[in-house]
Protein backbone atom coordinates (compact mmCIF):
# COMPACT_ATOMS: atom_id res chain seq x y z
CA UNK A 1 0.00 0.00 0.00
CA UNK A 2 1.18 3.55 -0.67
CA UNK A 3 3.12 5.57 1.89
CA UNK A 4 2.32 9.23 1.22
CA UNK A 5 3.64 11.45 3.99
CA UNK A 6 3.13 15.04 5.13
CA UNK A 7 6.33 17.08 5.33
CA UNK A 8 7.81 20.37 6.55
CA UNK A 9 7.98 22.30 3.32
CA UNK A 10 10.31 25.13 2.52
CA UNK A 11 8.02 27.43 0.56
CA UNK A 12 7.95 31.02 -0.72
CA UNK A 13 7.06 33.94 1.49
CA UNK A 14 3.41 34.65 0.80
CA UNK A 15 4.15 37.96 -0.92
CA UNK A 16 6.69 36.37 -3.28
CA UNK A 17 5.02 33.15 -4.41
CA UNK A 18 3.89 34.50 -7.77
CA UNK A 19 7.36 35.91 -8.51
CA UNK A 20 9.24 32.74 -7.49
CA UNK A 21 7.01 30.04 -9.00
CA UNK A 22 8.42 28.88 -12.34
CA UNK A 23 7.63 26.42 -15.10
CA UNK A 24 9.66 23.17 -14.98
CA UNK A 25 13.34 23.36 -15.88
CA UNK A 26 12.99 21.19 -18.97
CA UNK A 27 10.50 23.35 -20.89
CA UNK A 28 13.27 25.85 -21.74
CA UNK A 29 16.47 25.64 -23.71
CA UNK A 30 19.49 27.46 -22.30
CA UNK A 31 18.90 30.68 -24.22
CA UNK A 32 15.22 30.81 -23.27
CA UNK A 33 15.99 30.07 -19.61
CA UNK A 34 18.58 32.84 -19.43
CA UNK A 35 16.16 35.35 -20.97
CA UNK A 36 13.43 34.30 -18.52
CA UNK A 37 15.69 34.77 -15.49
CA UNK A 38 16.89 38.12 -16.78
CA UNK A 39 13.29 39.25 -17.15
CA UNK A 40 12.15 37.74 -13.83
CA UNK A 41 15.15 37.79 -11.47
CA UNK A 42 13.32 36.12 -8.57
CA UNK A 43 12.14 33.20 -10.70
CA UNK A 44 12.96 29.77 -9.33
CA UNK A 45 14.39 28.99 -12.75
CA UNK A 46 17.63 30.61 -11.57
CA UNK A 47 17.94 27.67 -9.16
CA UNK A 48 16.57 24.92 -11.39
CA UNK A 49 18.78 26.15 -14.24
CA UNK A 50 21.64 27.84 -12.41
CA UNK A 51 23.76 28.07 -15.57
CA UNK A 52 21.59 31.13 -16.32
CA UNK A 53 23.66 32.97 -13.69
CA UNK A 54 27.02 31.96 -15.14
CA UNK A 55 28.94 32.76 -18.29
CA UNK A 56 27.75 31.13 -21.50
CA UNK A 57 31.13 29.39 -21.72
CA UNK A 58 30.32 27.31 -18.61
CA UNK A 59 28.94 23.91 -19.54
CA UNK A 60 25.35 23.27 -18.43
CA UNK A 61 26.48 20.24 -16.43
CA UNK A 62 29.64 21.75 -14.92
CA UNK A 63 29.91 21.14 -11.14
CA UNK A 64 29.88 24.88 -10.50
CA UNK A 65 26.36 25.06 -11.96
CA UNK A 66 25.01 22.77 -9.24
CA UNK A 67 27.00 24.60 -6.56
CA UNK A 68 25.49 27.87 -7.78
CA UNK A 69 22.03 26.32 -7.49
CA UNK A 70 22.79 25.27 -3.91
CA UNK A 71 24.14 28.68 -2.93
CA UNK A 72 21.24 30.58 -4.49
CA UNK A 73 18.62 28.36 -2.87
CA UNK A 74 19.99 28.62 0.64
CA UNK A 75 20.71 32.35 0.30
CA UNK A 76 17.01 32.82 -0.51
CA UNK A 77 16.07 30.77 2.56
CA UNK A 78 18.37 32.89 4.69
CA UNK A 79 17.09 36.22 3.36
CA UNK A 80 13.45 35.31 3.96
CA UNK A 81 12.34 34.76 0.37
CA UNK A 82 11.49 31.23 1.52
CA UNK A 83 10.08 30.17 4.89
CA UNK A 84 10.23 26.83 6.68
CA UNK A 85 6.96 25.20 7.69
CA UNK A 86 6.94 24.57 11.45
CA UNK A 87 5.07 21.25 11.30
CA UNK A 88 4.45 18.42 8.88
CA UNK A 89 1.56 19.23 6.59
CA UNK A 90 -0.08 18.26 3.35
CA UNK A 91 -0.88 20.96 0.82
CA UNK A 92 -3.78 21.22 -1.59
CA UNK A 93 -2.57 22.52 -4.95
CA UNK A 94 -5.19 23.59 -7.50
CA UNK A 95 -4.39 24.61 -11.08
CA UNK A 96 -7.03 26.25 -13.27
CA UNK A 97 -6.51 26.64 -17.02
CA UNK A 98 -9.13 27.70 -19.57
CA UNK A 99 -11.89 27.29 -17.00
CA UNK A 100 -10.87 23.73 -16.10
CA UNK A 101 -9.55 22.91 -12.62
CA UNK A 102 -7.51 20.02 -11.25
CA UNK A 103 -6.67 19.63 -7.58
CA UNK A 104 -3.83 17.59 -6.12
CA UNK A 105 -2.23 16.82 -2.77
CA UNK A 106 1.38 17.94 -2.33
CA UNK A 107 3.19 15.38 -0.20
CA UNK A 108 6.21 13.07 -0.12
CA UNK A 109 6.14 9.61 -1.68
CA UNK A 110 8.32 6.67 -0.67
CA UNK A 111 11.38 5.58 -2.63
CA UNK A 112 10.62 2.03 -1.45
CA UNK A 113 7.20 2.23 -3.12
CA UNK A 114 8.96 3.27 -6.31
CA UNK A 115 11.37 0.34 -6.04
CA UNK A 116 8.63 -2.20 -5.23
CA UNK A 117 6.27 -1.09 -8.00
CA UNK A 118 3.54 0.43 -5.86
CA UNK A 119 4.48 3.60 -7.74
CA UNK A 120 4.21 2.55 -11.37
CA UNK A 121 6.12 3.85 -14.39
CA UNK A 122 5.21 3.94 -18.08
CA UNK A 123 8.40 5.45 -19.57
CA UNK A 124 12.08 4.63 -19.69
CA UNK A 125 14.57 7.26 -18.55
CA UNK A 126 17.84 8.41 -20.11
CA UNK A 127 20.98 8.17 -18.00
CA UNK A 128 22.34 11.62 -18.86
CA UNK A 129 19.06 13.35 -17.96
CA UNK A 130 18.90 11.40 -14.71
CA UNK A 131 22.45 12.35 -13.80
CA UNK A 132 21.72 16.05 -14.21
CA UNK A 133 18.90 15.95 -11.65
CA UNK A 134 20.83 13.58 -9.37
CA UNK A 135 23.57 16.20 -9.16
CA UNK A 136 21.05 18.99 -8.65
CA UNK A 137 19.14 17.24 -5.85
CA UNK A 138 22.23 15.88 -4.14
CA UNK A 139 24.23 19.11 -4.12
CA UNK A 140 21.25 21.31 -3.25
CA UNK A 141 20.29 18.82 -0.52
CA UNK A 142 16.71 19.35 -1.64
CA UNK A 143 14.12 18.27 -4.17
CA UNK A 144 12.86 21.37 -5.94
CA UNK A 145 10.57 20.06 -8.69
CA UNK A 146 7.57 17.89 -7.74
CA UNK A 147 6.78 14.64 -9.52
CA UNK A 148 3.29 14.55 -11.05
CA UNK A 149 1.55 11.43 -9.70
CA UNK A 150 -1.96 10.09 -10.28
CA UNK A 151 -4.22 7.77 -8.30
CA UNK A 152 -7.75 6.41 -8.53
CA UNK A 153 -10.05 8.90 -6.85
CA UNK A 154 -10.74 8.34 -3.15
CA UNK A 155 -13.83 9.72 -1.33
CA UNK A 156 -12.04 10.33 1.99
CA UNK A 157 -9.32 12.42 0.35
CA UNK A 158 -11.94 14.26 -1.71
CA UNK A 159 -13.88 15.12 1.45
CA UNK A 160 -10.84 16.54 3.26
CA UNK A 161 -9.93 18.59 0.19
CA UNK A 162 -13.46 20.00 -0.02
CA UNK A 163 -13.39 20.96 3.68
CA UNK A 164 -10.02 22.72 3.55
CA UNK A 165 -10.86 24.59 0.36
CA UNK A 166 -13.52 26.47 2.32
CA UNK A 167 -10.70 28.13 4.26
CA UNK A 168 -8.50 31.02 3.16
CA UNK A 169 -5.79 29.89 0.72
CA UNK A 170 -2.10 30.26 1.43
CA UNK A 171 -1.36 31.32 -2.16
CA UNK A 172 -3.69 32.43 -4.93
CA UNK A 173 -2.23 33.97 -8.07
CA UNK A 174 -2.55 33.84 -11.84
CA UNK A 175 0.69 33.35 -13.76
CA UNK A 176 1.53 35.17 -16.97
CA UNK A 177 0.31 32.18 -19.00
CA UNK A 178 -3.11 32.70 -17.37
CA UNK A 179 -2.94 29.52 -15.28
CA UNK A 180 -4.28 30.18 -11.79
CA UNK A 181 -2.43 28.54 -8.88
CA UNK A 182 -4.13 28.19 -5.50
CA UNK A 183 -2.66 26.48 -2.44
CA UNK A 184 -4.19 25.56 0.92
CA UNK A 185 -2.49 23.94 3.93
CA UNK A 186 -3.87 20.75 5.51
CA UNK A 187 -2.58 21.22 9.05
CA UNK A 188 -5.20 19.76 11.40
CA UNK A 189 -4.01 16.45 12.84
CA UNK A 190 -7.31 14.66 12.21
CA UNK A 191 -7.31 15.69 8.56
CA UNK A 192 -3.65 14.77 8.11
CA UNK A 193 -4.32 11.34 9.63
CA UNK A 194 -7.35 10.81 7.39
CA UNK A 195 -5.39 11.61 4.24
CA UNK A 196 -2.41 9.46 5.24
CA UNK A 197 -4.68 6.52 6.10
CA UNK A 198 -6.62 6.89 2.85
CA UNK A 199 -3.44 6.77 0.78
CA UNK A 200 -2.30 3.73 2.77
CA UNK A 201 -5.35 1.94 1.39
CA UNK A 202 -4.48 2.73 -2.23
CA UNK A 203 -2.58 -0.06 -3.95
CA UNK A 204 -1.29 1.76 -7.04
CA UNK A 205 0.13 5.22 -7.66
CA UNK A 206 1.15 6.21 -11.19
CA UNK A 207 3.82 8.56 -12.49
CA UNK A 208 1.99 10.80 -14.93
CA UNK A 209 4.86 13.17 -15.64
CA UNK A 210 8.38 13.52 -14.23
CA UNK A 211 9.94 10.08 -14.72
CA UNK A 212 13.48 11.53 -14.74
CA UNK A 213 12.89 13.59 -11.60
CA UNK A 214 11.45 10.54 -9.84
CA UNK A 215 14.30 8.24 -10.85
CA UNK A 216 16.85 10.85 -9.80
CA UNK A 217 15.21 11.41 -6.41
CA UNK A 218 15.24 7.67 -5.78
CA UNK A 219 18.91 7.40 -6.75
CA UNK A 220 19.85 10.18 -4.34
CA UNK A 221 17.84 8.48 -1.60
CA UNK A 222 19.77 5.26 -2.22
CA UNK A 223 23.06 7.18 -2.11
CA UNK A 224 22.12 8.74 1.23
CA UNK A 225 21.20 5.34 2.63
CA UNK A 226 24.66 4.10 1.69
CA UNK A 227 26.17 7.12 3.44
CA UNK A 228 24.00 6.48 6.52
CA UNK A 229 24.01 2.69 7.04
CA UNK A 230 22.16 3.19 10.32
CA UNK A 231 19.17 4.81 8.57
CA UNK A 232 15.71 3.97 9.96
CA UNK A 233 13.58 4.68 6.89
CA UNK A 234 12.02 7.75 8.46
CA UNK A 235 14.69 10.18 7.23
CA UNK A 236 13.57 12.69 4.61
CA UNK A 237 15.92 11.26 1.98
CA UNK A 238 13.70 8.17 1.92
CA UNK A 239 10.93 10.22 0.30
CA UNK A 240 10.47 12.42 -2.76
CA UNK A 241 8.41 15.53 -3.46
CA UNK A 242 5.16 14.86 -5.33
CA UNK A 243 1.78 16.25 -6.23
CA UNK A 244 -0.87 13.53 -6.45
CA UNK A 245 -4.02 14.01 -8.54
CA UNK A 246 -7.18 11.87 -8.70
CA UNK A 247 -7.66 10.28 -12.10
CA UNK A 248 -11.08 11.83 -12.71
CA UNK A 249 -9.59 15.34 -12.78
CA UNK A 250 -6.73 14.77 -15.19
CA UNK A 251 -6.68 15.64 -18.85
CA UNK A 252 -4.04 14.35 -21.24
CA UNK A 253 -3.55 16.39 -24.37
CA UNK A 254 -2.59 15.06 -27.77
CA UNK A 255 1.09 14.64 -28.60
CA UNK A 256 1.41 15.07 -32.36
CA UNK A 257 4.00 14.06 -34.95
CA UNK A 258 5.64 15.89 -37.85
CA UNK A 259 7.98 14.26 -40.37
CA UNK A 260 10.67 16.08 -42.30
CA UNK A 261 10.61 13.98 -45.49
CA UNK A 262 8.51 11.26 -47.12
CA UNK A 263 11.31 8.73 -47.53
CA UNK A 264 11.49 9.31 -51.30
CA UNK A 265 7.74 9.16 -51.96
CA UNK A 266 5.99 12.06 -53.69
CA UNK A 267 3.00 13.52 -51.82
CA UNK A 268 0.66 11.75 -54.24
CA UNK A 269 2.41 8.41 -53.82
CA UNK A 270 2.48 8.80 -50.05
CA UNK A 271 -1.26 9.53 -49.94
CA UNK A 272 -1.87 6.32 -51.88
CA UNK A 273 0.26 4.36 -49.38
CA UNK A 274 -1.63 5.87 -46.44
CA UNK A 275 -4.95 5.01 -48.12
CA UNK A 276 -3.86 1.38 -48.43
CA UNK A 277 -3.38 1.19 -44.64
CA UNK A 278 -6.11 3.46 -43.24
CA UNK A 279 -9.58 4.60 -44.33
CA UNK A 280 -8.78 8.11 -45.59
CA UNK A 281 -11.27 10.95 -46.06
CA UNK A 282 -10.29 14.36 -47.45
CA UNK A 283 -11.43 17.17 -45.14
CA UNK A 284 -10.21 20.35 -46.84
CA UNK A 285 -8.05 23.28 -45.82
CA UNK A 286 -9.37 23.82 -42.27
CA UNK A 287 -7.67 21.89 -39.47
CA UNK A 288 -9.81 19.19 -37.84
CA UNK A 289 -8.95 17.33 -34.64
CA UNK A 290 -9.60 13.59 -34.52
CA UNK A 291 -12.90 13.03 -32.74
CA UNK A 292 -12.34 9.60 -31.20
CA UNK A 293 -9.82 6.87 -30.46
CA UNK A 294 -8.94 4.93 -33.57
CA UNK A 295 -8.69 8.06 -35.74
CA UNK A 296 -6.02 10.63 -36.47
CA UNK A 297 -5.84 13.67 -38.74
CA UNK A 298 -3.12 14.03 -41.36
CA UNK A 299 -1.91 17.29 -42.93
CA UNK A 300 -0.27 16.85 -46.33
CA UNK A 301 0.39 19.41 -49.07
CA UNK A 302 -1.99 22.00 -47.60
CA UNK A 303 -4.90 19.61 -47.08
CA UNK A 304 -6.28 17.86 -43.99
CA UNK A 305 -7.41 14.22 -44.05
CA UNK A 306 -9.21 12.01 -41.55
CA UNK A 307 -7.53 8.60 -41.19
CA UNK A 308 -9.35 5.73 -39.48
CA UNK A 309 -7.52 2.69 -38.15
CA UNK A 310 -8.83 -0.56 -39.62
CA UNK A 311 -10.62 -2.91 -37.19
CA UNK A 312 -8.04 -5.61 -37.93
CA UNK A 313 -5.30 -3.29 -36.66
CA UNK A 314 -7.07 -2.53 -33.39
CA UNK A 315 -6.20 -4.64 -30.35
CA UNK A 316 -6.86 -4.82 -26.61
CA UNK A 317 -3.11 -4.98 -25.92
CA UNK A 318 -2.42 -1.94 -23.67
CA UNK A 319 0.60 -0.79 -25.72
CA UNK A 320 -0.05 -2.13 -29.22
CA UNK A 321 -3.61 -0.79 -29.02
CA UNK A 322 -2.51 2.83 -28.55
CA UNK A 323 -3.13 5.01 -31.59
CA UNK A 324 0.47 6.23 -31.51
CA UNK A 325 1.64 2.60 -31.59
CA UNK A 326 -0.52 1.76 -34.60
CA UNK A 327 0.72 4.85 -36.47
CA UNK A 328 4.31 3.89 -35.74
CA UNK A 329 3.94 0.19 -36.60
CA UNK A 330 1.76 0.51 -39.71
CA UNK A 331 3.02 3.73 -41.31
CA UNK A 332 6.02 5.50 -39.81
CA UNK A 333 8.27 2.43 -39.72
CA UNK A 334 7.37 0.48 -42.88
CA UNK A 335 6.54 3.38 -45.21
CA UNK A 336 8.66 6.28 -43.93
CA UNK A 337 11.53 4.17 -42.58
CA UNK A 338 11.38 5.75 -39.11
CA UNK A 339 12.27 2.67 -37.06
CA UNK A 340 13.17 4.36 -33.78
CA UNK A 341 11.28 7.61 -33.13
CA UNK A 342 13.45 8.25 -30.04
CA UNK A 343 16.58 8.71 -32.14
CA UNK A 344 15.50 9.42 -35.73
CA UNK A 345 16.04 13.09 -36.56
CA UNK A 346 13.47 12.88 -39.36
CA UNK A 347 10.57 12.95 -36.88
CA UNK A 348 9.64 15.63 -34.37
CA UNK A 349 6.91 15.88 -31.74
CA UNK A 350 4.55 18.79 -31.09
CA UNK A 351 2.63 19.06 -27.82
CA UNK A 352 -1.10 19.55 -28.16
CA UNK A 353 -0.93 22.81 -26.25
CA UNK A 354 0.52 24.38 -29.42
CA UNK A 355 -2.57 23.56 -31.49
CA UNK A 356 -3.04 22.31 -35.04
CA UNK A 357 -1.88 25.61 -36.54
CA UNK A 358 1.59 24.74 -35.28
CA UNK A 359 1.48 21.56 -37.37
CA UNK A 360 0.60 23.63 -40.43
CA UNK A 361 3.41 26.05 -39.61
CA UNK A 362 5.96 23.24 -39.33
CA UNK A 363 4.85 21.82 -42.67
CA UNK A 364 5.38 25.22 -44.28
CA UNK A 365 8.79 25.52 -42.62
CA UNK A 366 10.73 22.26 -42.41
CA UNK A 367 8.35 19.29 -42.60
CA UNK A 368 6.39 17.41 -45.24
CA UNK A 369 3.51 15.87 -43.27
CA UNK A 370 1.89 16.08 -39.86
CA UNK A 371 -0.23 13.70 -37.82
CA UNK A 372 -2.67 15.02 -35.19
CA UNK A 373 -3.42 12.28 -32.68
CA UNK A 374 -6.43 11.61 -30.46
CA UNK A 375 -5.19 12.01 -26.86
CA UNK A 376 -4.14 8.98 -24.87
CA UNK A 377 -6.50 8.56 -21.91
CA UNK A 378 -5.48 8.35 -18.27
CA UNK A 379 -7.05 4.88 -18.15
CA UNK A 380 -4.85 3.78 -21.06
CA UNK A 381 -1.84 5.08 -19.13
CA UNK A 382 -2.94 3.11 -16.06
CA UNK A 383 -3.40 -0.04 -18.15
CA UNK A 384 0.11 0.18 -19.61
CA UNK A 385 1.67 0.76 -16.19
CA UNK A 386 -0.40 -2.01 -14.55
CA UNK A 387 0.85 -4.42 -17.19
CA UNK A 388 4.44 -3.44 -16.40
CA UNK A 389 4.89 -2.16 -19.94
CA UNK A 390 6.20 1.06 -21.46
CA UNK A 391 4.47 3.55 -23.70
CA UNK A 392 6.00 4.66 -26.99
CA UNK A 393 7.93 7.94 -26.66
CA UNK A 394 5.88 11.14 -26.61
CA UNK A 395 2.53 9.46 -25.96
CA UNK A 396 1.18 11.90 -23.37
CA UNK A 397 1.21 15.66 -22.88
CA UNK A 398 -0.09 16.97 -19.55
CA UNK A 399 -1.32 20.50 -19.01
CA UNK A 400 -1.17 22.62 -17.01
CA UNK A 401 2.41 22.19 -15.81
CA UNK A 402 3.19 22.09 -12.09
CA UNK A 403 5.23 25.08 -10.93
CA UNK A 404 8.64 24.59 -9.37
CA UNK A 405 9.60 26.59 -6.30
CA UNK A 406 6.23 26.53 -4.52
CA UNK A 407 7.30 23.52 -2.44
CA UNK A 408 10.83 22.39 -1.58
CA UNK A 409 11.67 19.18 0.25
CA UNK A 410 14.89 19.29 2.26
CA UNK A 411 16.69 15.95 2.48
CA UNK A 412 18.82 16.46 5.58
CA UNK A 413 19.03 19.30 8.03
């Protein structure tokens, strides 16, 4: 059963939360991150991406980058930009985007649950990306970016959340991207106990987003255990910072594909090949999203097409049955020669937040065709993880993004 613990957060001073809270470190390249920090000097990005404070000649992964992150973080704690919570609490974290709200519990999850499979994964991680966050967490002595977890909705947790949301929030601000962030503290002992007990009755927790951050936090916890052979399991390094959302509130957006060439086919020849595999209907010049699972939209030579997957190609297998898997297996690999979408430079991925116009723009700029996918569902994600399998790369795009800097989990004091 899941161990989801309250913790003593280090969090922004109330007056500074909106200035400190930042999008995750990996949504920016180096140039964008530096410009963001220059424009917003209190942004937590200067800690998550501390190379923004150093000369451009310094490598992103140089040891002095992580030391700069450490120094900046603890200077901000010392000068009062951040405050330490006096007691262990849970936090309610609500994000509202385009009129839609999702509400999670900020807490600490167990590295043992990650190791044992109570916390389930659906993606592989890359060693170099893991190492970056291992260095950041270990040298900062803190986890600064929460892992986005999901669980099957629980009535007890829902009831506590509803009660606490009637109180005055700790933070309530709207970021420049128009996403509203609201935070309440769950501090009453009876409510804390109810939430902890409810999570203890939940058998599966799922990583929705943040596989690299989770793997890195676990690795650091293992390192600290080696350094402290007398550890009891209660130390903070045995846990990692998370925000846990009930499945019924989550929305996964489409994660679309663009290809840079047609593998030697003309547009007309390629359309014929697609029509041999899928049921193709010409839609015209206006972009149209796929309306259900088993369909995707294709943009080719200025025209949109609806493509339906044949019944014979549909399956109940949790991975092979994903629309992105069928597209890869039936078209991208055999017709376009894209065997490994993780490494092939001829394919690129466009998050659904950018809209279908971005697919048209890419096809006018550097690509030949685009594929707009129907979003993977949270239940499909659960099914893949429950089966112990992995999704194809770029299968899910979650919005809105959790902000970094609102909650910090110190590993050792």
